[in-house]
Amino acid sequence: METLTKLSARSLEYYINARRWKADLDFFKVEIVFFNWLISSHFMKFIDAVQQERLQKLQDKLAMIRKEKAQIKDLLNEQLKTLELLAEEPFVISNENLTNSQSQLEYLMTDISREYREVKTYLFKVLIEAKNANYPKK
């Protein structure tokens, strides 16, 4: 961490963002595992064929997000290594390449976060509809 203090303000900001995004991706991983468990363990047996198809599509979307997450995590790890190298040897890496990588990561993280929120919102909607269909209010 001491070497990171040698980074420029912009590079340090890149490093902090990359670490935060990596933590976000780790949290997505935990939630995706939980959602898949919730869908397959608890809800598939209580819902009709239409709702099962909707949940299967959600599971497929979660699998796609999981793949994207792995690719982004690899890019984040590469960016973190680059920034750590930059802290040790300041003139080895071009600022333009670093900025381009950071911009790409920012776009990818914004996109995957949006996709994930949409899937999560839709999943909750389907689960609430399934619950209400199987346990109507009295």
N, C-alpha and C. Protein backbone atom coordinates (compact mmCIF):
# COMPACT_ATOMS: atom_id res chain seq x y z
N MET A 1 0.83 -1.20 0.00
CA MET A 1 0.00 0.00 0.00
C MET A 1 0.87 1.25 0.00
N GLU A 2 2.03 1.17 0.63
CA GLU A 2 2.92 2.33 0.70
C GLU A 2 3.31 2.81 -0.69
N THR A 3 3.54 1.87 -1.61
CA THR A 3 3.92 2.27 -2.96
C THR A 3 2.80 2.98 -3.69
N LEU A 4 1.56 2.73 -3.30
CA LEU A 4 0.43 3.38 -3.96
C LEU A 4 0.42 4.88 -3.72
N THR A 5 1.04 5.33 -2.66
CA THR A 5 1.08 6.77 -2.39
C THR A 5 1.93 7.49 -3.44
N LYS A 6 2.70 6.74 -4.22
CA LYS A 6 3.50 7.34 -5.28
C LYS A 6 2.69 7.59 -6.55
N LEU A 7 1.47 7.10 -6.58
CA LEU A 7 0.62 7.28 -7.75
C LEU A 7 0.12 8.72 -7.84
N SER A 8 -0.13 9.15 -9.06
CA SER A 8 -0.76 10.46 -9.26
C SER A 8 -2.19 10.38 -8.71
N ALA A 9 -2.80 11.52 -8.53
CA ALA A 9 -4.18 11.55 -8.02
C ALA A 9 -5.11 10.78 -8.94
N ARG A 10 -4.95 10.94 -10.24
CA ARG A 10 -5.81 10.25 -11.20
C ARG A 10 -5.59 8.73 -11.13
N SER A 11 -4.35 8.30 -11.09
CA SER A 11 -4.06 6.87 -11.02
C SER A 11 -4.55 6.26 -9.72
N LEU A 12 -4.43 7.01 -8.64
CA LEU A 12 -4.95 6.52 -7.35
C LEU A 12 -6.47 6.39 -7.40
N GLU A 13 -7.11 7.33 -8.06
CA GLU A 13 -8.57 7.24 -8.25
C GLU A 13 -8.92 6.00 -9.06
N TYR A 14 -8.16 5.73 -10.11
CA TYR A 14 -8.37 4.52 -10.91
C TYR A 14 -8.23 3.27 -10.04
N TYR A 15 -7.22 3.27 -9.20
CA TYR A 15 -6.96 2.12 -8.34
C TYR A 15 -8.12 1.91 -7.36
N ILE A 16 -8.56 2.98 -6.74
CA ILE A 16 -9.67 2.89 -5.78
C ILE A 16 -10.94 2.40 -6.47
N ASN A 17 -11.23 2.93 -7.66
CA ASN A 17 -12.42 2.48 -8.40
C ASN A 17 -12.31 1.01 -8.76
N ALA A 18 -11.15 0.59 -9.22
CA ALA A 18 -10.97 -0.81 -9.61
C ALA A 18 -11.18 -1.73 -8.42
N ARG A 19 -10.66 -1.37 -7.26
CA ARG A 19 -10.85 -2.19 -6.05
C ARG A 19 -12.33 -2.24 -5.65
N ARG A 20 -13.00 -1.11 -5.76
CA ARG A 20 -14.44 -1.07 -5.41
C ARG A 20 -15.23 -1.93 -6.38
N TRP A 21 -14.92 -1.84 -7.67
CA TRP A 21 -15.63 -2.63 -8.68
C TRP A 21 -15.38 -4.12 -8.45
N LYS A 22 -14.17 -4.46 -8.07
CA LYS A 22 -13.86 -5.86 -7.79
C LYS A 22 -14.71 -6.36 -6.62
N ALA A 23 -14.86 -5.54 -5.59
CA ALA A 23 -15.71 -5.90 -4.45
C ALA A 23 -17.17 -6.04 -4.88
N ASP A 24 -17.63 -5.15 -5.76
CA ASP A 24 -18.99 -5.26 -6.29
C ASP A 24 -19.19 -6.59 -7.02
N LEU A 25 -18.21 -6.97 -7.84
CA LEU A 25 -18.31 -8.23 -8.58
C LEU A 25 -18.32 -9.42 -7.63
N ASP A 26 -17.55 -9.35 -6.57
CA ASP A 26 -17.56 -10.43 -5.58
C ASP A 26 -18.94 -10.55 -4.93
N PHE A 27 -19.57 -9.41 -4.66
CA PHE A 27 -20.91 -9.42 -4.08
C PHE A 27 -21.92 -9.99 -5.08
N PHE A 28 -21.80 -9.62 -6.35
CA PHE A 28 -22.68 -10.18 -7.39
C PHE A 28 -22.59 -11.70 -7.38
N LYS A 29 -21.38 -12.21 -7.25
CA LYS A 29 -21.16 -13.66 -7.26
C LYS A 29 -21.98 -14.33 -6.15
N VAL A 30 -21.90 -13.77 -4.95
CA VAL A 30 -22.63 -14.33 -3.81
C VAL A 30 -24.14 -14.27 -4.05
N GLU A 31 -24.61 -13.13 -4.52
CA GLU A 31 -26.05 -12.98 -4.76
C GLU A 31 -26.54 -13.90 -5.89
N ILE A 32 -25.75 -14.06 -6.94
CA ILE A 32 -26.17 -14.92 -8.05
C ILE A 32 -26.30 -16.36 -7.58
N VAL A 33 -25.36 -16.82 -6.77
CA VAL A 33 -25.45 -18.17 -6.21
C VAL A 33 -26.72 -18.30 -5.37
N PHE A 34 -26.99 -17.30 -4.55
CA PHE A 34 -28.20 -17.32 -3.72
C PHE A 34 -29.46 -17.33 -4.57
N PHE A 35 -29.52 -16.48 -5.60
CA PHE A 35 -30.71 -16.43 -6.45
C PHE A 35 -30.94 -17.75 -7.17
N ASN A 36 -29.89 -18.35 -7.68
CA ASN A 36 -30.04 -19.64 -8.35
C ASN A 36 -30.53 -20.71 -7.37
N TRP A 37 -30.00 -20.69 -6.17
CA TRP A 37 -30.45 -21.64 -5.14
C TRP A 37 -31.91 -21.39 -4.80
N LEU A 38 -32.28 -20.14 -4.65
CA LEU A 38 -33.65 -19.78 -4.32
C LEU A 38 -34.61 -20.24 -5.40
N ILE A 39 -34.25 -19.99 -6.64
CA ILE A 39 -35.10 -20.38 -7.77
C ILE A 39 -35.25 -21.90 -7.83
N SER A 40 -34.14 -22.59 -7.87
CA SER A 40 -34.20 -24.04 -8.09
C SER A 40 -34.67 -24.80 -6.86
N SER A 41 -34.33 -24.35 -5.68
CA SER A 41 -34.69 -25.10 -4.48
C SER A 41 -36.10 -24.84 -3.99
N HIS A 42 -36.55 -23.62 -4.12
CA HIS A 42 -37.80 -23.28 -3.46
C HIS A 42 -38.97 -22.96 -4.38
N PHE A 43 -38.71 -22.39 -5.52
CA PHE A 43 -39.84 -21.89 -6.28
C PHE A 43 -40.24 -22.75 -7.46
N MET A 44 -39.34 -23.47 -8.07
CA MET A 44 -39.68 -24.23 -9.27
C MET A 44 -40.80 -25.24 -9.01
N LYS A 45 -40.84 -25.81 -7.83
CA LYS A 45 -41.87 -26.82 -7.54
C LYS A 45 -43.24 -26.23 -7.21
N PHE A 46 -43.30 -24.92 -6.96
CA PHE A 46 -44.56 -24.30 -6.57
C PHE A 46 -45.23 -23.49 -7.66
N ILE A 47 -44.63 -23.42 -8.84
CA ILE A 47 -45.16 -22.51 -9.84
C ILE A 47 -45.58 -23.25 -11.11
N ASP A 48 -46.37 -22.57 -11.91
CA ASP A 48 -46.86 -23.17 -13.14
C ASP A 48 -45.80 -23.11 -14.24
N ALA A 49 -46.11 -23.71 -15.38
CA ALA A 49 -45.14 -23.83 -16.48
C ALA A 49 -44.70 -22.46 -17.02
N VAL A 50 -45.62 -21.51 -17.09
CA VAL A 50 -45.28 -20.18 -17.60
C VAL A 50 -44.27 -19.50 -16.68
N GLN A 51 -44.54 -19.57 -15.39
CA GLN A 51 -43.62 -18.96 -14.43
C GLN A 51 -42.28 -19.70 -14.41
N GLN A 52 -42.31 -21.03 -14.57
CA GLN A 52 -41.06 -21.80 -14.63
C GLN A 52 -40.22 -21.36 -15.82
N GLU A 53 -40.87 -21.13 -16.95
CA GLU A 53 -40.14 -20.67 -18.14
C GLU A 53 -39.52 -19.29 -17.89
N ARG A 54 -40.27 -18.42 -17.24
CA ARG A 54 -39.75 -17.08 -16.93
C ARG A 54 -38.54 -17.17 -16.00
N LEU A 55 -38.63 -18.05 -14.99
CA LEU A 55 -37.51 -18.20 -14.07
C LEU A 55 -36.31 -18.85 -14.75
N GLN A 56 -36.57 -19.77 -15.69
CA GLN A 56 -35.46 -20.38 -16.42
C GLN A 56 -34.72 -19.33 -17.26
N LYS A 57 -35.49 -18.42 -17.87
CA LYS A 57 -34.86 -17.33 -18.63
C LYS A 57 -34.02 -16.45 -17.71
N LEU A 58 -34.51 -16.22 -16.51
CA LEU A 58 -33.74 -15.44 -15.54
C LEU A 58 -32.46 -16.16 -15.15
N GLN A 59 -32.55 -17.46 -14.95
CA GLN A 59 -31.34 -18.23 -14.63
C GLN A 59 -30.34 -18.17 -15.78
N ASP A 60 -30.84 -18.22 -17.01
CA ASP A 60 -29.96 -18.09 -18.17
C ASP A 60 -29.29 -16.71 -18.19
N LYS A 61 -30.06 -15.69 -17.88
CA LYS A 61 -29.51 -14.33 -17.84
C LYS A 61 -28.47 -14.21 -16.71
N LEU A 62 -28.75 -14.81 -15.58
CA LEU A 62 -27.78 -14.81 -14.48
C LEU A 62 -26.49 -15.52 -14.88
N ALA A 63 -26.62 -16.60 -15.64
CA ALA A 63 -25.42 -17.32 -16.12
C ALA A 63 -24.61 -16.43 -17.06
N MET A 64 -25.30 -15.68 -17.91
CA MET A 64 -24.61 -14.76 -18.82
C MET A 64 -23.89 -13.66 -18.03
N ILE A 65 -24.56 -13.14 -17.02
CA ILE A 65 -23.95 -12.11 -16.17
C ILE A 65 -22.73 -12.68 -15.45
N ARG A 66 -22.83 -13.93 -15.00
CA ARG A 66 -21.71 -14.57 -14.32
C ARG A 66 -20.49 -14.68 -15.25
N LYS A 67 -20.73 -14.99 -16.53
CA LYS A 67 -19.64 -15.05 -17.51
C LYS A 67 -19.04 -13.67 -17.74
N GLU A 68 -19.91 -12.68 -17.92
CA GLU A 68 -19.43 -11.31 -18.11
C GLU A 68 -18.63 -10.85 -16.90
N LYS A 69 -19.12 -11.21 -15.72
CA LYS A 69 -18.45 -10.83 -14.47
C LYS A 69 -17.04 -11.39 -14.44
N ALA A 70 -16.86 -12.62 -14.86
CA ALA A 70 -15.54 -13.24 -14.87
C ALA A 70 -14.60 -12.52 -15.83
N GLN A 71 -15.12 -12.13 -16.99
CA GLN A 71 -14.29 -11.40 -17.96
C GLN A 71 -13.90 -10.03 -17.43
N ILE A 72 -14.84 -9.34 -16.81
CA ILE A 72 -14.56 -8.02 -16.26
C ILE A 72 -13.56 -8.14 -15.11
N LYS A 73 -13.72 -9.17 -14.29
CA LYS A 73 -12.80 -9.35 -13.16
C LYS A 73 -11.37 -9.56 -13.66
N ASP A 74 -11.21 -10.29 -14.76
CA ASP A 74 -9.87 -10.46 -15.35
C ASP A 74 -9.30 -9.11 -15.78
N LEU A 75 -10.13 -8.29 -16.42
CA LEU A 75 -9.68 -6.95 -16.83
C LEU A 75 -9.34 -6.08 -15.62
N LEU A 76 -10.14 -6.19 -14.56
CA LEU A 76 -9.86 -5.43 -13.35
C LEU A 76 -8.54 -5.86 -12.72
N ASN A 77 -8.31 -7.16 -12.67
CA ASN A 77 -7.05 -7.66 -12.11
C ASN A 77 -5.86 -7.14 -12.92
N GLU A 78 -6.02 -7.12 -14.22
CA GLU A 78 -4.96 -6.60 -15.10
C GLU A 78 -4.74 -5.10 -14.83
N GLN A 79 -5.82 -4.37 -14.67
CA GLN A 79 -5.71 -2.93 -14.39
C GLN A 79 -5.03 -2.70 -13.04
N LEU A 80 -5.39 -3.48 -12.04
CA LEU A 80 -4.77 -3.32 -10.72
C LEU A 80 -3.28 -3.62 -10.78
N LYS A 81 -2.90 -4.67 -11.52
CA LYS A 81 -1.47 -4.98 -11.67
C LYS A 81 -0.74 -3.84 -12.36
N THR A 82 -1.37 -3.29 -13.39
CA THR A 82 -0.77 -2.17 -14.12
C THR A 82 -0.57 -0.97 -13.20
N LEU A 83 -1.57 -0.67 -12.40
CA LEU A 83 -1.48 0.48 -11.49
C LEU A 83 -0.41 0.25 -10.42
N GLU A 84 -0.32 -0.98 -9.92
CA GLU A 84 0.71 -1.28 -8.93
C GLU A 84 2.11 -1.17 -9.56
N LEU A 85 2.24 -1.61 -10.80
CA LEU A 85 3.51 -1.47 -11.51
C LEU A 85 3.84 0.01 -11.73
N LEU A 86 2.83 0.77 -12.05
CA LEU A 86 3.00 2.21 -12.26
C LEU A 86 3.50 2.90 -10.99
N ALA A 87 3.02 2.41 -9.84
CA ALA A 87 3.46 2.99 -8.57
C ALA A 87 4.94 2.72 -8.34
N GLU A 88 5.42 1.58 -8.83
CA GLU A 88 6.84 1.23 -8.65
C GLU A 88 7.72 1.86 -9.72
N GLU A 89 7.22 1.91 -10.94
CA GLU A 89 7.99 2.46 -12.06
C GLU A 89 7.10 3.41 -12.86
N PRO A 90 7.08 4.67 -12.48
CA PRO A 90 6.11 5.64 -12.99
C PRO A 90 6.04 5.85 -14.51
N PHE A 91 7.09 5.62 -15.24
CA PHE A 91 7.06 5.97 -16.66
C PHE A 91 6.99 4.77 -17.58
N VAL A 92 6.65 3.61 -17.03
CA VAL A 92 6.60 2.38 -17.82
C VAL A 92 5.33 2.29 -18.66
N ILE A 93 4.24 2.82 -18.16
CA ILE A 93 2.93 2.68 -18.80
C ILE A 93 2.45 4.04 -19.30
N SER A 94 1.87 4.02 -20.47
CA SER A 94 1.32 5.24 -21.05
C SER A 94 0.02 5.62 -20.34
N ASN A 95 -0.11 6.90 -20.04
CA ASN A 95 -1.34 7.40 -19.40
C ASN A 95 -2.55 7.19 -20.30
N GLU A 96 -2.34 7.29 -21.60
CA GLU A 96 -3.44 7.10 -22.55
C GLU A 96 -3.99 5.67 -22.47
N ASN A 97 -3.10 4.68 -22.43
CA ASN A 97 -3.54 3.28 -22.31
C ASN A 97 -4.28 3.05 -21.00
N LEU A 98 -3.76 3.63 -19.93
CA LEU A 98 -4.39 3.50 -18.62
C LEU A 98 -5.78 4.12 -18.62
N THR A 99 -5.89 5.29 -19.20
CA THR A 99 -7.18 5.99 -19.27
C THR A 99 -8.17 5.21 -20.14
N ASN A 100 -7.70 4.67 -21.26
CA ASN A 100 -8.57 3.88 -22.12
C ASN A 100 -9.08 2.63 -21.39
N SER A 101 -8.18 1.95 -20.68
CA SER A 101 -8.58 0.76 -19.92
C SER A 101 -9.60 1.12 -18.85
N GLN A 102 -9.35 2.22 -18.17
CA GLN A 102 -10.27 2.65 -17.11
C GLN A 102 -11.64 3.00 -17.68
N SER A 103 -11.65 3.68 -18.81
CA SER A 103 -12.92 4.04 -19.46
C SER A 103 -13.69 2.79 -19.86
N GLN A 104 -12.99 1.80 -20.41
CA GLN A 104 -13.63 0.56 -20.79
C GLN A 104 -14.20 -0.15 -19.56
N LEU A 105 -13.43 -0.20 -18.49
CA LEU A 105 -13.91 -0.84 -17.26
C LEU A 105 -15.12 -0.10 -16.69
N GLU A 106 -15.09 1.21 -16.73
CA GLU A 106 -16.22 1.98 -16.22
C GLU A 106 -17.48 1.68 -17.02
N TYR A 107 -17.34 1.60 -18.33
CA TYR A 107 -18.48 1.26 -19.19
C TYR A 107 -18.99 -0.15 -18.87
N LEU A 108 -18.07 -1.11 -18.78
CA LEU A 108 -18.46 -2.50 -18.51
C LEU A 108 -19.14 -2.65 -17.15
N MET A 109 -18.60 -1.96 -16.14
CA MET A 109 -19.21 -2.05 -14.81
C MET A 109 -20.59 -1.39 -14.77
N THR A 110 -20.72 -0.27 -15.45
CA THR A 110 -22.03 0.38 -15.52
C THR A 110 -23.04 -0.53 -16.21
N ASP A 111 -22.61 -1.15 -17.29
CA ASP A 111 -23.49 -2.03 -18.05
C ASP A 111 -23.89 -3.27 -17.26
N ILE A 112 -22.92 -3.94 -16.65
CA ILE A 112 -23.25 -5.17 -15.91
C ILE A 112 -24.09 -4.84 -14.67
N SER A 113 -23.85 -3.70 -14.05
CA SER A 113 -24.66 -3.31 -12.89
C SER A 113 -26.10 -3.05 -13.31
N ARG A 114 -26.29 -2.41 -14.45
CA ARG A 114 -27.63 -2.16 -14.97
C ARG A 114 -28.33 -3.48 -15.29
N GLU A 115 -27.63 -4.36 -16.00
CA GLU A 115 -28.21 -5.67 -16.33
C GLU A 115 -28.58 -6.43 -15.07
N TYR A 116 -27.70 -6.41 -14.11
CA TYR A 116 -27.93 -7.14 -12.87
C TYR A 116 -29.14 -6.58 -12.12
N ARG A 117 -29.24 -5.25 -12.04
CA ARG A 117 -30.41 -4.64 -11.38
C ARG A 117 -31.71 -5.03 -12.08
N GLU A 118 -31.69 -5.04 -13.42
CA GLU A 118 -32.90 -5.41 -14.17
C GLU A 118 -33.30 -6.85 -13.88
N VAL A 119 -32.33 -7.76 -13.88
CA VAL A 119 -32.62 -9.16 -13.61
C VAL A 119 -33.13 -9.33 -12.19
N LYS A 120 -32.49 -8.66 -11.26
CA LYS A 120 -32.89 -8.76 -9.86
C LYS A 120 -34.31 -8.24 -9.65
N THR A 121 -34.63 -7.11 -10.26
CA THR A 121 -35.97 -6.54 -10.16
C THR A 121 -37.00 -7.48 -10.76
N TYR A 122 -36.70 -8.03 -11.93
CA TYR A 122 -37.63 -8.95 -12.58
C TYR A 122 -37.78 -10.23 -11.76
N LEU A 123 -36.69 -10.73 -11.21
CA LEU A 123 -36.74 -11.92 -10.37
C LEU A 123 -37.66 -11.70 -9.18
N PHE A 124 -37.51 -10.58 -8.50
CA PHE A 124 -38.38 -10.30 -7.36
C PHE A 124 -39.84 -10.23 -7.79
N LYS A 125 -40.08 -9.61 -8.94
CA LYS A 125 -41.44 -9.50 -9.45
C LYS A 125 -42.04 -10.89 -9.70
N VAL A 126 -41.29 -11.76 -10.36
CA VAL A 126 -41.77 -13.12 -10.65
C VAL A 126 -42.00 -13.89 -9.36
N LEU A 127 -41.09 -13.78 -8.41
CA LEU A 127 -41.23 -14.52 -7.15
C LEU A 127 -42.44 -14.03 -6.35
N ILE A 128 -42.68 -12.73 -6.36
CA ILE A 128 -43.85 -12.19 -5.65
C ILE A 128 -45.14 -12.65 -6.33
N GLU A 129 -45.15 -12.63 -7.67
CA GLU A 129 -46.33 -13.12 -8.40
C GLU A 129 -46.56 -14.60 -8.11
N ALA A 130 -45.50 -15.40 -8.06
CA ALA A 130 -45.63 -16.83 -7.76
C ALA A 130 -46.15 -17.03 -6.35
N LYS A 131 -45.64 -16.28 -5.42
CA LYS A 131 -46.10 -16.39 -4.03
C LYS A 131 -47.58 -16.02 -3.94
N ASN A 132 -47.96 -14.91 -4.58
CA ASN A 132 -49.36 -14.48 -4.53
C ASN A 132 -50.30 -15.46 -5.22
N ALA A 133 -49.83 -16.10 -6.27
CA ALA A 133 -50.65 -17.08 -6.98
C ALA A 133 -50.85 -18.35 -6.13
N ASN A 134 -49.83 -18.70 -5.36
CA ASN A 134 -49.90 -19.93 -4.57
C ASN A 134 -50.42 -19.71 -3.15
N TYR A 135 -50.30 -18.50 -2.67
CA TYR A 135 -50.76 -18.16 -1.33
C TYR A 135 -51.56 -16.87 -1.38
N PRO A 136 -52.76 -16.92 -1.98
CA PRO A 136 -53.55 -15.69 -2.12
C PRO A 136 -53.94 -15.12 -0.74
N LYS A 137 -54.14 -13.81 -0.75
CA LYS A 137 -54.57 -13.15 0.49
C LYS A 137 -55.95 -13.61 0.83
N LYS A 138 -56.20 -13.72 2.12
CA LYS A 138 -57.52 -14.18 2.59
C LYS A 138 -58.40 -13.02 2.92
